[in-house]
Amino acid sequence: MTNDDMMSTLFDVATNAVLFAGSWAGTATFHWTHFDGTPGDQVAPWQASTLNTLLRRGLIAVDSAHDHARYTPVLLTDQGVALLYSTAELPLAA
């Protein structure tokens, strides 16, 4: 995972663009969110890998208020917010 991968993925999460769609074989799966909040296509494999790494590192979390839902919002943790906004230059979304 490059720094650009990490920062663009944190930015996508910060803009509510990613949904958690469960896990398979111990790996979380993620989908994009349409503007109206409905689920879209699966994220690209490189970004799914980045999201799983960010989840393991505690920079993002699955919104526990939506545990019962098929698609659950992914949120930045306080640590993720601090990392994203500690840079003077925000990344372009992937």
PDB file of N, CA and C in Angstrom:
ATOM      1  N   MET A   1       0.854  -1.168   0.000  1.00  0.00           N
ATOM      2  CA  MET A   1       0.000   0.000   0.000  1.00  0.00           C
ATOM      3  C   MET A   1       0.898   1.228   0.000  1.00  0.00           C
ATOM      4  N   THR A   2       0.696   2.078  -0.995  1.00  0.00           N
ATOM      5  CA  THR A   2       1.457   3.320  -1.045  1.00  0.00           C
ATOM      6  C   THR A   2       0.770   4.389  -0.209  1.00  0.00           C
ATOM      7  N   ASN A   3       1.483   5.455   0.063  1.00  0.00           N
ATOM      8  CA  ASN A   3       0.904   6.570   0.807  1.00  0.00           C
ATOM      9  C   ASN A   3      -0.277   7.161   0.032  1.00  0.00           C
ATOM     10  N   ASP A   4      -0.152   7.269  -1.299  1.00  0.00           N
ATOM     11  CA  ASP A   4      -1.256   7.792  -2.117  1.00  0.00           C
ATOM     12  C   ASP A   4      -2.484   6.891  -2.027  1.00  0.00           C
ATOM     13  N   ASP A   5      -2.280   5.569  -2.051  1.00  0.00           N
ATOM     14  CA  ASP A   5      -3.397   4.625  -1.901  1.00  0.00           C
ATOM     15  C   ASP A   5      -4.102   4.848  -0.578  1.00  0.00           C
ATOM     16  N   MET A   6      -3.314   4.962   0.483  1.00  0.00           N
ATOM     17  CA  MET A   6      -3.881   5.130   1.812  1.00  0.00           C
ATOM     18  C   MET A   6      -4.650   6.445   1.924  1.00  0.00           C
ATOM     19  N   MET A   7      -4.058   7.539   1.468  1.00  0.00           N
ATOM     20  CA  MET A   7      -4.690   8.841   1.621  1.00  0.00           C
ATOM     21  C   MET A   7      -5.946   8.963   0.750  1.00  0.00           C
ATOM     22  N   SER A   8      -5.913   8.454  -0.476  1.00  0.00           N
ATOM     23  CA  SER A   8      -7.104   8.547  -1.325  1.00  0.00           C
ATOM     24  C   SER A   8      -8.232   7.679  -0.773  1.00  0.00           C
ATOM     25  N   THR A   9      -7.891   6.545  -0.172  1.00  0.00           N
ATOM     26  CA  THR A   9      -8.899   5.674   0.407  1.00  0.00           C
ATOM     27  C   THR A   9      -9.477   6.290   1.684  1.00  0.00           C
ATOM     28  N   LEU A  10      -8.642   6.901   2.511  1.00  0.00           N
ATOM     29  CA  LEU A  10      -9.155   7.617   3.681  1.00  0.00           C
ATOM     30  C   LEU A  10     -10.096   8.733   3.261  1.00  0.00           C
ATOM     31  N   PHE A  11      -9.751   9.430   2.186  1.00  0.00           N
ATOM     32  CA  PHE A  11     -10.605  10.502   1.666  1.00  0.00           C
ATOM     33  C   PHE A  11     -11.946   9.931   1.208  1.00  0.00           C
ATOM     34  N   ASP A  12     -11.932   8.809   0.510  1.00  0.00           N
ATOM     35  CA  ASP A  12     -13.180   8.172   0.067  1.00  0.00           C
ATOM     36  C   ASP A  12     -14.061   7.800   1.251  1.00  0.00           C
ATOM     37  N   VAL A  13     -13.459   7.270   2.306  1.00  0.00           N
ATOM     38  CA  VAL A  13     -14.222   6.921   3.506  1.00  0.00           C
ATOM     39  C   VAL A  13     -14.776   8.188   4.153  1.00  0.00           C
ATOM     40  N   ALA A  14     -13.970   9.236   4.220  1.00  0.00           N
ATOM     41  CA  ALA A  14     -14.406  10.496   4.843  1.00  0.00           C
ATOM     42  C   ALA A  14     -15.596  11.111   4.119  1.00  0.00           C
ATOM     43  N   THR A  15     -15.721  10.854   2.829  1.00  0.00           N
ATOM     44  CA  THR A  15     -16.829  11.412   2.044  1.00  0.00           C
ATOM     45  C   THR A  15     -18.000  10.434   1.932  1.00  0.00           C
ATOM     46  N   ASN A  16     -18.011   9.416   2.792  1.00  0.00           N
ATOM     47  CA  ASN A  16     -19.107   8.430   2.840  1.00  0.00           C
ATOM     48  C   ASN A  16     -19.299   7.682   1.526  1.00  0.00           C
ATOM     49  N   ALA A  17     -18.210   7.381   0.853  1.00  0.00           N
ATOM     50  CA  ALA A  17     -18.288   6.734  -0.451  1.00  0.00           C
ATOM     51  C   ALA A  17     -18.150   5.215  -0.390  1.00  0.00           C
ATOM     52  N   VAL A  18     -17.953   4.653   0.816  1.00  0.00           N
ATOM     53  CA  VAL A  18     -17.659   3.223   0.926  1.00  0.00           C
ATOM     54  C   VAL A  18     -18.612   2.544   1.915  1.00  0.00           C
ATOM     55  N   LEU A  19     -19.092   1.361   1.528  1.00  0.00           N
ATOM     56  CA  LEU A  19     -19.935   0.538   2.386  1.00  0.00           C
ATOM     57  C   LEU A  19     -19.251  -0.800   2.645  1.00  0.00           C
ATOM     58  N   PHE A  20     -19.395  -1.317   3.856  1.00  0.00           N
ATOM     59  CA  PHE A  20     -18.933  -2.660   4.203  1.00  0.00           C
ATOM     60  C   PHE A  20     -20.029  -3.635   3.809  1.00  0.00           C
ATOM     61  N   ALA A  21     -19.648  -4.724   3.139  1.00  0.00           N
ATOM     62  CA  ALA A  21     -20.643  -5.682   2.648  1.00  0.00           C
ATOM     63  C   ALA A  21     -20.440  -7.074   3.220  1.00  0.00           C
ATOM     64  N   GLY A  22     -19.848  -7.163   4.395  1.00  0.00           N
ATOM     65  CA  GLY A  22     -19.618  -8.462   5.002  1.00  0.00           C
ATOM     66  C   GLY A  22     -18.207  -8.944   4.769  1.00  0.00           C
ATOM     67  N   SER A  23     -17.956 -10.174   5.156  1.00  0.00           N
ATOM     68  CA  SER A  23     -16.623 -10.724   4.951  1.00  0.00           C
ATOM     69  C   SER A  23     -16.729 -12.132   4.391  1.00  0.00           C
ATOM     70  N   TRP A  24     -15.688 -12.518   3.708  1.00  0.00           N
ATOM     71  CA  TRP A  24     -15.620 -13.832   3.098  1.00  0.00           C
ATOM     72  C   TRP A  24     -14.201 -14.331   3.272  1.00  0.00           C
ATOM     73  N   ALA A  25     -14.058 -15.504   3.830  1.00  0.00           N
ATOM     74  CA  ALA A  25     -12.739 -16.117   4.059  1.00  0.00           C
ATOM     75  C   ALA A  25     -11.835 -15.191   4.871  1.00  0.00           C
ATOM     76  N   GLY A  26     -12.417 -14.495   5.846  1.00  0.00           N
ATOM     77  CA  GLY A  26     -11.630 -13.650   6.722  1.00  0.00           C
ATOM     78  C   GLY A  26     -11.235 -12.304   6.163  1.00  0.00           C
ATOM     79  N   THR A  27     -11.718 -11.985   4.964  1.00  0.00           N
ATOM     80  CA  THR A  27     -11.393 -10.705   4.345  1.00  0.00           C
ATOM     81  C   THR A  27     -12.669  -9.912   4.150  1.00  0.00           C
ATOM     82  N   ALA A  28     -12.670  -8.668   4.596  1.00  0.00           N
ATOM     83  CA  ALA A  28     -13.839  -7.804   4.445  1.00  0.00           C
ATOM     84  C   ALA A  28     -14.040  -7.433   2.979  1.00  0.00           C
ATOM     85  N   THR A  29     -15.297  -7.321   2.574  1.00  0.00           N
ATOM     86  CA  THR A  29     -15.610  -6.868   1.217  1.00  0.00           C
ATOM     87  C   THR A  29     -16.305  -5.514   1.304  1.00  0.00           C
ATOM     88  N   PHE A  30     -16.060  -4.690   0.302  1.00  0.00           N
ATOM     89  CA  PHE A  30     -16.550  -3.320   0.303  1.00  0.00           C
ATOM     90  C   PHE A  30     -17.181  -2.960  -1.040  1.00  0.00           C
ATOM     91  N   HIS A  31     -18.158  -2.065  -0.988  1.00  0.00           N
ATOM     92  CA  HIS A  31     -18.822  -1.552  -2.184  1.00  0.00           C
ATOM     93  C   HIS A  31     -18.789  -0.027  -2.160  1.00  0.00           C
ATOM     94  N   TRP A  32     -18.895   0.561  -3.340  1.00  0.00           N
ATOM     95  CA  TRP A  32     -19.052   2.004  -3.444  1.00  0.00           C
ATOM     96  C   TRP A  32     -20.472   2.386  -3.052  1.00  0.00           C
ATOM     97  N   THR A  33     -20.662   3.622  -2.685  1.00  0.00           N
ATOM     98  CA  THR A  33     -21.977   4.147  -2.352  1.00  0.00           C
ATOM     99  C   THR A  33     -22.394   5.128  -3.439  1.00  0.00           C
ATOM    100  N   HIS A  34     -23.601   4.960  -3.978  1.00  0.00           N
ATOM    101  CA  HIS A  34     -24.143   5.946  -4.914  1.00  0.00           C
ATOM    102  C   HIS A  34     -24.487   7.219  -4.152  1.00  0.00           C
ATOM    103  N   PHE A  35     -24.704   8.315  -4.875  1.00  0.00           N
ATOM    104  CA  PHE A  35     -25.021   9.595  -4.234  1.00  0.00           C
ATOM    105  C   PHE A  35     -26.262   9.514  -3.351  1.00  0.00           C
ATOM    106  N   ASP A  36     -27.198   8.635  -3.700  1.00  0.00           N
ATOM    107  CA  ASP A  36     -28.420   8.508  -2.893  1.00  0.00           C
ATOM    108  C   ASP A  36     -28.254   7.545  -1.716  1.00  0.00           C
ATOM    109  N   GLY A  37     -27.047   7.019  -1.512  1.00  0.00           N
ATOM    110  CA  GLY A  37     -26.768   6.139  -0.388  1.00  0.00           C
ATOM    111  C   GLY A  37     -26.939   4.658  -0.667  1.00  0.00           C
ATOM    112  N   THR A  38     -27.428   4.311  -1.863  1.00  0.00           N
ATOM    113  CA  THR A  38     -27.596   2.900  -2.200  1.00  0.00           C
ATOM    114  C   THR A  38     -26.253   2.285  -2.597  1.00  0.00           C
ATOM    115  N   PRO A  39     -26.105   0.967  -2.421  1.00  0.00           N
ATOM    116  CA  PRO A  39     -24.842   0.315  -2.752  1.00  0.00           C
ATOM    117  C   PRO A  39     -24.580   0.309  -4.253  1.00  0.00           C
ATOM    118  N   GLY A  40     -23.322   0.447  -4.584  1.00  0.00           N
ATOM    119  CA  GLY A  40     -22.888   0.371  -5.976  1.00  0.00           C
ATOM    120  C   GLY A  40     -22.036  -0.868  -6.192  1.00  0.00           C
ATOM    121  N   ASP A  41     -21.123  -0.779  -7.135  1.00  0.00           N
ATOM    122  CA  ASP A  41     -20.231  -1.896  -7.458  1.00  0.00           C
ATOM    123  C   ASP A  41     -19.198  -2.113  -6.358  1.00  0.00           C
ATOM    124  N   GLN A  42     -18.587  -3.288  -6.405  1.00  0.00           N
ATOM    125  CA  GLN A  42     -17.483  -3.558  -5.482  1.00  0.00           C
ATOM    126  C   GLN A  42     -16.326  -2.626  -5.796  1.00  0.00           C
ATOM    127  N   VAL A  43     -15.565  -2.270  -4.756  1.00  0.00           N
ATOM    128  CA  VAL A  43     -14.376  -1.453  -4.977  1.00  0.00           C
ATOM    129  C   VAL A  43     -13.333  -2.302  -5.701  1.00  0.00           C
ATOM    130  N   ALA A  44     -12.371  -1.645  -6.309  1.00  0.00           N
ATOM    131  CA  ALA A  44     -11.294  -2.339  -7.021  1.00  0.00           C
ATOM    132  C   ALA A  44     -10.474  -3.178  -6.038  1.00  0.00           C
ATOM    133  N   PRO A  45      -9.878  -4.275  -6.521  1.00  0.00           N
ATOM    134  CA  PRO A  45      -9.107  -5.140  -5.623  1.00  0.00           C
ATOM    135  C   PRO A  45      -8.008  -4.417  -4.843  1.00  0.00           C
ATOM    136  N   TRP A  46      -7.288  -3.499  -5.481  1.00  0.00           N
ATOM    137  CA  TRP A  46      -6.225  -2.785  -4.758  1.00  0.00           C
ATOM    138  C   TRP A  46      -6.817  -1.951  -3.627  1.00  0.00           C
ATOM    139  N   GLN A  47      -8.006  -1.378  -3.859  1.00  0.00           N
ATOM    140  CA  GLN A  47      -8.593  -0.537  -2.824  1.00  0.00           C
ATOM    141  C   GLN A  47      -9.215  -1.394  -1.717  1.00  0.00           C
ATOM    142  N   ALA A  48      -9.748  -2.557  -2.065  1.00  0.00           N
ATOM    143  CA  ALA A  48     -10.249  -3.479  -1.043  1.00  0.00           C
ATOM    144  C   ALA A  48      -9.105  -3.903  -0.125  1.00  0.00           C
ATOM    145  N   SER A  49      -7.951  -4.159  -0.694  1.00  0.00           N
ATOM    146  CA  SER A  49      -6.774  -4.514   0.099  1.00  0.00           C
ATOM    147  C   SER A  49      -6.378  -3.357   1.011  1.00  0.00           C
ATOM    148  N   THR A  50      -6.409  -2.147   0.478  1.00  0.00           N
ATOM    149  CA  THR A  50      -6.085  -0.967   1.280  1.00  0.00           C
ATOM    150  C   THR A  50      -7.097  -0.788   2.400  1.00  0.00           C
ATOM    151  N   LEU A  51      -8.381  -0.954   2.100  1.00  0.00           N
ATOM    152  CA  LEU A  51      -9.423  -0.834   3.122  1.00  0.00           C
ATOM    153  C   LEU A  51      -9.242  -1.868   4.224  1.00  0.00           C
ATOM    154  N   ASN A  52      -8.910  -3.089   3.864  1.00  0.00           N
ATOM    155  CA  ASN A  52      -8.673  -4.130   4.870  1.00  0.00           C
ATOM    156  C   ASN A  52      -7.480  -3.781   5.756  1.00  0.00           C
ATOM    157  N   THR A  53      -6.441  -3.224   5.167  1.00  0.00           N
ATOM    158  CA  THR A  53      -5.273  -2.800   5.948  1.00  0.00           C
ATOM    159  C   THR A  53      -5.638  -1.666   6.896  1.00  0.00           C
ATOM    160  N   LEU A  54      -6.391  -0.687   6.404  1.00  0.00           N
ATOM    161  CA  LEU A  54      -6.807   0.442   7.245  1.00  0.00           C
ATOM    162  C   LEU A  54      -7.707  -0.040   8.386  1.00  0.00           C
ATOM    163  N   LEU A  55      -8.551  -1.023   8.101  1.00  0.00           N
ATOM    164  CA  LEU A  55      -9.432  -1.594   9.124  1.00  0.00           C
ATOM    165  C   LEU A  55      -8.601  -2.285  10.217  1.00  0.00           C
ATOM    166  N   ARG A  56      -7.624  -3.078   9.797  1.00  0.00           N
ATOM    167  CA  ARG A  56      -6.748  -3.760  10.758  1.00  0.00           C
ATOM    168  C   ARG A  56      -5.933  -2.775  11.593  1.00  0.00           C
ATOM    169  N   ARG A  57      -5.538  -1.664  10.992  1.00  0.00           N
ATOM    170  CA  ARG A  57      -4.716  -0.665  11.701  1.00  0.00           C
ATOM    171  C   ARG A  57      -5.551   0.288  12.556  1.00  0.00           C
ATOM    172  N   GLY A  58      -6.870   0.165  12.499  1.00  0.00           N
ATOM    173  CA  GLY A  58      -7.725   0.997  13.331  1.00  0.00           C
ATOM    174  C   GLY A  58      -7.939   2.406  12.807  1.00  0.00           C
ATOM    175  N   LEU A  59      -7.686   2.616  11.511  1.00  0.00           N
ATOM    176  CA  LEU A  59      -7.881   3.941  10.920  1.00  0.00           C
ATOM    177  C   LEU A  59      -9.301   4.130  10.390  1.00  0.00           C
ATOM    178  N   ILE A  60      -9.987   3.026  10.134  1.00  0.00           N
ATOM    179  CA  ILE A  60     -11.391   3.051   9.732  1.00  0.00           C
ATOM    180  C   ILE A  60     -12.134   2.006  10.563  1.00  0.00           C
ATOM    181  N   ALA A  61     -13.456   2.137  10.607  1.00  0.00           N
ATOM    182  CA  ALA A  61     -14.278   1.178  11.355  1.00  0.00           C
ATOM    183  C   ALA A  61     -15.617   1.023  10.647  1.00  0.00           C
ATOM    184  N   VAL A  62     -16.242  -0.111  10.885  1.00  0.00           N
ATOM    185  CA  VAL A  62     -17.587  -0.359  10.374  1.00  0.00           C
ATOM    186  C   VAL A  62     -18.561   0.223  11.396  1.00  0.00           C
ATOM    187  N   ASP A  63     -19.537   0.988  10.933  1.00  0.00           N
ATOM    188  CA  ASP A  63     -20.502   1.651  11.810  1.00  0.00           C
ATOM    189  C   ASP A  63     -21.338   0.608  12.549  1.00  0.00           C
ATOM    190  N   SER A  64     -21.109   0.468  13.838  1.00  0.00           N
ATOM    191  CA  SER A  64     -21.779  -0.568  14.620  1.00  0.00           C
ATOM    192  C   SER A  64     -23.277  -0.310  14.794  1.00  0.00           C
ATOM    193  N   ALA A  65     -23.727   0.896  14.533  1.00  0.00           N
ATOM    194  CA  ALA A  65     -25.158   1.201  14.645  1.00  0.00           C
ATOM    195  C   ALA A  65     -25.961   0.519  13.538  1.00  0.00           C
ATOM    196  N   HIS A  66     -25.272   0.033  12.505  1.00  0.00           N
ATOM    197  CA  HIS A  66     -25.943  -0.601  11.369  1.00  0.00           C
ATOM    198  C   HIS A  66     -25.577  -2.075  11.246  1.00  0.00           C
ATOM    199  N   ASP A  67     -25.275  -2.749  12.356  1.00  0.00           N
ATOM    200  CA  ASP A  67     -24.845  -4.150  12.323  1.00  0.00           C
ATOM    201  C   ASP A  67     -25.833  -5.076  11.615  1.00  0.00           C
ATOM    202  N   HIS A  68     -27.100  -4.780  11.688  1.00  0.00           N
ATOM    203  CA  HIS A  68     -28.121  -5.649  11.120  1.00  0.00           C
ATOM    204  C   HIS A  68     -28.276  -5.486   9.609  1.00  0.00           C
ATOM    205  N   ALA A  69     -27.709  -4.434   9.052  1.00  0.00           N
ATOM    206  CA  ALA A  69     -27.896  -4.124   7.632  1.00  0.00           C
ATOM    207  C   ALA A  69     -26.934  -4.937   6.765  1.00  0.00           C
ATOM    208  N   ARG A  70     -27.350  -5.216   5.552  1.00  0.00           N
ATOM    209  CA  ARG A  70     -26.502  -5.930   4.591  1.00  0.00           C
ATOM    210  C   ARG A  70     -25.296  -5.079   4.216  1.00  0.00           C
ATOM    211  N   TYR A  71     -25.527  -3.800   4.001  1.00  0.00           N
ATOM    212  CA  TYR A  71     -24.455  -2.859   3.672  1.00  0.00           C
ATOM    213  C   TYR A  71     -24.357  -1.853   4.808  1.00  0.00           C
ATOM    214  N   THR A  72     -23.161  -1.720   5.355  1.00  0.00           N
ATOM    215  CA  THR A  72     -22.940  -0.898   6.532  1.00  0.00           C
ATOM    216  C   THR A  72     -21.944   0.214   6.214  1.00  0.00           C
ATOM    217  N   PRO A  73     -22.230   1.444   6.628  1.00  0.00           N
ATOM    218  CA  PRO A  73     -21.281   2.535   6.377  1.00  0.00           C
ATOM    219  C   PRO A  73     -19.911   2.273   7.012  1.00  0.00           C
ATOM    220  N   VAL A  74     -18.883   2.719   6.322  1.00  0.00           N
ATOM    221  CA  VAL A  74     -17.517   2.664   6.832  1.00  0.00           C
ATOM    222  C   VAL A  74     -17.153   4.087   7.253  1.00  0.00           C
ATOM    223  N   LEU A  75     -16.601   4.215   8.448  1.00  0.00           N
ATOM    224  CA  LEU A  75     -16.297   5.527   9.013  1.00  0.00           C
ATOM    225  C   LEU A  75     -14.819   5.642   9.359  1.00  0.00           C
ATOM    226  N   LEU A  76     -14.329   6.872   9.385  1.00  0.00           N
ATOM    227  CA  LEU A  76     -12.983   7.116   9.886  1.00  0.00           C
ATOM    228  C   LEU A  76     -13.005   7.052  11.411  1.00  0.00           C
ATOM    229  N   THR A  77     -11.984   6.489  11.991  1.00  0.00           N
ATOM    230  CA  THR A  77     -11.811   6.566  13.436  1.00  0.00           C
ATOM    231  C   THR A  77     -11.135   7.910  13.737  1.00  0.00           C
ATOM    232  N   ASP A  78     -11.019   8.244  14.999  1.00  0.00           N
ATOM    233  CA  ASP A  78     -10.328   9.481  15.365  1.00  0.00           C
ATOM    234  C   ASP A  78      -8.896   9.483  14.835  1.00  0.00           C
ATOM    235  N   GLN A  79      -8.270   8.327  14.891  1.00  0.00           N
ATOM    236  CA  GLN A  79      -6.899   8.189  14.376  1.00  0.00           C
ATOM    237  C   GLN A  79      -6.867   8.407  12.853  1.00  0.00           C
ATOM    238  N   GLY A  80      -7.873   7.902  12.137  1.00  0.00           N
ATOM    239  CA  GLY A  80      -7.953   8.099  10.695  1.00  0.00           C
ATOM    240  C   GLY A  80      -8.185   9.552  10.328  1.00  0.00           C
ATOM    241  N   VAL A  81      -9.044  10.237  11.080  1.00  0.00           N
ATOM    242  CA  VAL A  81      -9.299  11.666  10.847  1.00  0.00           C
ATOM    243  C   VAL A  81      -8.009  12.457  11.044  1.00  0.00           C
ATOM    244  N   ALA A  82      -7.300  12.166  12.131  1.00  0.00           N
ATOM    245  CA  ALA A  82      -6.055  12.874  12.423  1.00  0.00           C
ATOM    246  C   ALA A  82      -5.034  12.676  11.306  1.00  0.00           C
ATOM    247  N   LEU A  83      -4.928  11.454  10.797  1.00  0.00           N
ATOM    248  CA  LEU A  83      -3.977  11.183   9.722  1.00  0.00           C
ATOM    249  C   LEU A  83      -4.385  11.882   8.436  1.00  0.00           C
ATOM    250  N   LEU A  84      -5.661  11.810   8.083  1.00  0.00           N
ATOM    251  CA  LEU A  84      -6.122  12.417   6.841  1.00  0.00           C
ATOM    252  C   LEU A  84      -5.913  13.926   6.841  1.00  0.00           C
ATOM    253  N   TYR A  85      -6.262  14.569   7.934  1.00  0.00           N
ATOM    254  CA  TYR A  85      -6.216  16.027   7.961  1.00  0.00           C
ATOM    255  C   TYR A  85      -4.900  16.577   8.504  1.00  0.00           C
ATOM    256  N   SER A  86      -3.920  15.712   8.746  1.00  0.00           N
ATOM    257  CA  SER A  86      -2.616  16.185   9.174  1.00  0.00           C
ATOM    258  C   SER A  86      -1.759  16.621   7.982  1.00  0.00           C
ATOM    259  N   THR A  87      -2.211  16.312   6.792  1.00  0.00           N
ATOM    260  CA  THR A  87      -1.486  16.693   5.593  1.00  0.00           C
ATOM    261  C   THR A  87      -2.065  17.992   5.045  1.00  0.00           C
ATOM    262  N   ALA A  88      -1.209  18.805   4.487  1.00  0.00           N
ATOM    263  CA  ALA A  88      -1.654  20.097   3.946  1.00  0.00           C
ATOM    264  C   ALA A  88      -2.373  19.922   2.612  1.00  0.00           C
ATOM    265  N   GLU A  89      -2.157  18.807   1.962  1.00  0.00           N
ATOM    266  CA  GLU A  89      -2.721  18.582   0.635  1.00  0.00           C
ATOM    267  C   GLU A  89      -3.650  17.384   0.672  1.00  0.00           C
ATOM    268  N   LEU A  90      -4.942  17.609   0.430  1.00  0.00           N
ATOM    269  CA  LEU A  90      -5.892  16.498   0.389  1.00  0.00           C
ATOM    270  C   LEU A  90      -5.744  15.750  -0.928  1.00  0.00           C
ATOM    271  N   PRO A  91      -5.845  14.437  -0.900  1.00  0.00           N
ATOM    272  CA  PRO A  91      -5.692  13.644  -2.130  1.00  0.00           C
ATOM    273  C   PRO A  91      -6.908  13.736  -3.017  1.00  0.00           C
ATOM    274  N   LEU A  92      -6.699  13.450  -4.279  1.00  0.00           N
ATOM    275  CA  LEU A  92      -7.834  13.282  -5.181  1.00  0.00           C
ATOM    276  C   LEU A  92      -8.433  11.915  -4.922  1.00  0.00           C
ATOM    277  N   ALA A  93      -9.741  11.796  -5.004  1.00  0.00           N
ATOM    278  CA  ALA A  93     -10.371  10.498  -4.808  1.00  0.00           C
ATOM    279  C   ALA A  93      -9.939   9.552  -5.915  1.00  0.00           C
ATOM    280  N   ALA A  94      -9.837   8.292  -5.585  1.00  0.00           N
ATOM    281  CA  ALA A  94      -9.397   7.284  -6.560  1.00  0.00           C
ATOM    282  C   ALA A  94     -10.433   7.076  -7.618  1.00  0.00           C
TER     283      ALA A  94
END
